[in-house]
Amino acid sequence: MKKRPTSISVIAWILIITGVLSLIGTTFSLNNPEVIKIMEKSPVPIFIQNIIMYVGLIITITSGIAMLKGLNWGRYTYVIWSIFSFIFSLLTSPMKMAMIPGLVILLIVIFFLFRSPANNYFVEGERE
């Protein structure tokens, strides 16, 4: 297998670590009155928000693991879910301006996920 680009290792490990930490933090904050108060401002029922949040965290962790293994579907799954999640949040979030830093970070991650070294790594990983 071809050597994994450092950018892919960094992105994948950030996704895995932040995904696991967010999974733990989210689980402990489900009954927090302050969190519930913020979530109630959305037109989407809290139950649906929680489902989407957990699905997103599982996708993030799984995508990170897949990227470490050189599986091309991992980066596409992450990018597609992130774009869907951003659009969903844009349509439903009462704090739209707070989404700008996340969008900038997503665009930077997409840049690194689809640079030539990353493309070569994932193509090579699919052949094996």
Protein backbone atom coordinates (compact mmCIF):
# COMPACT_ATOMS: atom_id res chain seq x y z
CA MET A 1 0.00 0.00 0.00
CA LYS A 2 1.16 3.49 -0.80
CA LYS A 3 2.27 5.72 2.07
CA ARG A 4 -0.58 7.67 3.62
CA PRO A 5 -0.20 11.47 3.26
CA THR A 6 0.27 13.24 6.59
CA SER A 7 -2.75 15.43 5.88
CA ILE A 8 -4.98 12.34 5.65
CA SER A 9 -3.58 10.93 8.90
CA VAL A 10 -4.15 14.24 10.69
CA ILE A 11 -7.69 14.67 9.34
CA ALA A 12 -8.67 11.06 10.03
CA TRP A 13 -7.36 11.11 13.61
CA ILE A 14 -9.03 14.46 14.30
CA LEU A 15 -12.32 13.01 13.04
CA ILE A 16 -11.97 9.88 15.16
CA ILE A 17 -10.88 11.66 18.36
CA THR A 18 -13.38 14.52 18.14
CA GLY A 19 -16.11 12.07 17.14
CA VAL A 20 -15.49 9.84 20.16
CA LEU A 21 -15.19 12.80 22.55
CA SER A 22 -18.35 14.37 21.10
CA LEU A 23 -20.18 11.06 21.42
CA ILE A 24 -19.29 10.95 25.12
CA GLY A 25 -20.03 14.65 25.69
CA THR A 26 -23.31 14.51 23.79
CA THR A 27 -24.48 11.52 25.78
CA PHE A 28 -23.76 13.27 29.08
CA SER A 29 -25.45 16.51 27.98
CA LEU A 30 -28.76 15.01 26.86
CA ASN A 31 -30.50 15.99 30.11
CA ASN A 32 -28.73 19.32 30.57
CA PRO A 33 -31.41 22.06 30.85
CA GLU A 34 -29.20 24.64 29.10
CA VAL A 35 -28.61 22.31 26.13
CA ILE A 36 -32.32 21.49 25.95
CA LYS A 37 -33.18 25.21 26.00
CA ILE A 38 -30.88 25.84 23.01
CA MET A 39 -32.21 22.81 21.12
CA GLU A 40 -35.81 23.93 21.66
CA LYS A 41 -35.10 27.04 19.56
CA SER A 42 -34.85 24.85 16.46
CA PRO A 43 -38.00 24.00 14.49
CA VAL A 44 -36.80 20.36 14.43
CA PRO A 45 -37.99 18.23 17.37
CA ILE A 46 -35.25 17.44 19.91
CA PHE A 47 -35.68 13.70 19.34
CA ILE A 48 -34.90 14.12 15.62
CA GLN A 49 -31.98 16.44 16.42
CA ASN A 50 -30.52 13.74 18.69
CA ILE A 51 -30.89 11.06 16.02
CA ILE A 52 -29.18 13.25 13.42
CA MET A 53 -26.44 14.13 15.91
CA TYR A 54 -25.68 10.48 16.74
CA VAL A 55 -25.82 9.40 13.09
CA GLY A 56 -23.40 12.21 12.24
CA LEU A 57 -20.98 11.21 14.97
CA ILE A 58 -21.03 7.57 13.88
CA ILE A 59 -20.46 8.64 10.27
CA THR A 60 -17.58 10.89 11.36
CA ILE A 61 -15.85 8.14 13.36
CA THR A 62 -16.42 5.50 10.68
CA SER A 63 -15.20 7.82 7.93
CA GLY A 64 -12.03 8.60 9.87
CA ILE A 65 -11.27 4.90 10.33
CA ALA A 66 -11.99 4.23 6.64
CA MET A 67 -9.64 7.05 5.60
CA LEU A 68 -6.83 5.57 7.71
CA LYS A 69 -7.35 2.29 5.83
CA GLY A 70 -7.24 4.05 2.45
CA LEU A 71 -10.90 3.39 1.66
CA ASN A 72 -12.12 5.98 -0.82
CA TRP A 73 -15.74 5.79 0.34
CA GLY A 74 -14.62 7.16 3.72
CA ARG A 75 -13.74 10.59 2.40
CA TYR A 76 -16.82 10.78 0.17
CA THR A 77 -19.12 9.70 3.00
CA TYR A 78 -17.62 12.32 5.30
CA VAL A 79 -17.86 15.12 2.74
CA ILE A 80 -21.42 14.26 1.65
CA TRP A 81 -22.62 13.99 5.26
CA SER A 82 -20.86 17.24 6.19
CA ILE A 83 -22.46 19.13 3.31
CA PHE A 84 -25.89 17.67 4.16
CA SER A 85 -25.37 18.56 7.82
CA PHE A 86 -24.28 22.11 6.97
CA ILE A 87 -27.32 22.70 4.74
CA PHE A 88 -29.65 21.18 7.34
CA SER A 89 -28.15 23.40 10.03
CA LEU A 90 -28.34 26.45 7.80
CA LEU A 91 -32.05 25.84 7.29
CA THR A 92 -32.88 25.08 10.92
CA SER A 93 -30.34 26.73 13.22
CA PRO A 94 -31.22 29.95 15.00
CA MET A 95 -27.46 30.78 15.16
CA LYS A 96 -26.48 30.94 11.49
CA MET A 97 -23.45 33.21 11.95
CA ALA A 98 -21.88 30.68 14.31
CA MET A 99 -21.69 28.27 11.36
CA ILE A 100 -19.15 30.29 9.39
CA PRO A 101 -16.02 28.91 11.15
CA GLY A 102 -17.28 25.36 10.64
CA LEU A 103 -17.80 26.03 6.94
CA VAL A 104 -14.27 27.42 6.57
CA ILE A 105 -12.82 24.36 8.33
CA LEU A 106 -14.91 22.01 6.15
CA LEU A 107 -13.65 23.71 2.97
CA ILE A 108 -10.04 23.36 4.15
CA VAL A 109 -10.57 19.67 4.98
CA ILE A 110 -12.17 19.06 1.56
CA PHE A 111 -9.18 20.74 -0.08
CA PHE A 112 -6.76 18.35 1.65
CA LEU A 113 -8.97 15.29 1.08
CA PHE A 114 -8.94 15.82 -2.68
CA ARG A 115 -5.40 17.02 -3.35
CA SER A 116 -3.26 14.92 -5.68
CA PRO A 117 -1.39 13.00 -2.93
CA ALA A 118 -4.70 12.12 -1.26
CA ASN A 119 -6.24 11.05 -4.57
CA ASN A 120 -3.27 8.79 -5.26
CA TYR A 121 -3.47 7.27 -1.77
CA PHE A 122 -7.18 6.51 -2.02
CA VAL A 123 -6.97 5.15 -5.57
CA GLU A 124 -4.12 2.87 -4.49
CA GLY A 125 -6.13 1.77 -1.43
CA GLU A 126 -9.09 0.80 -3.62
CA ARG A 127 -6.90 -1.45 -5.79
CA GLU A 128 -5.73 -3.55 -2.87
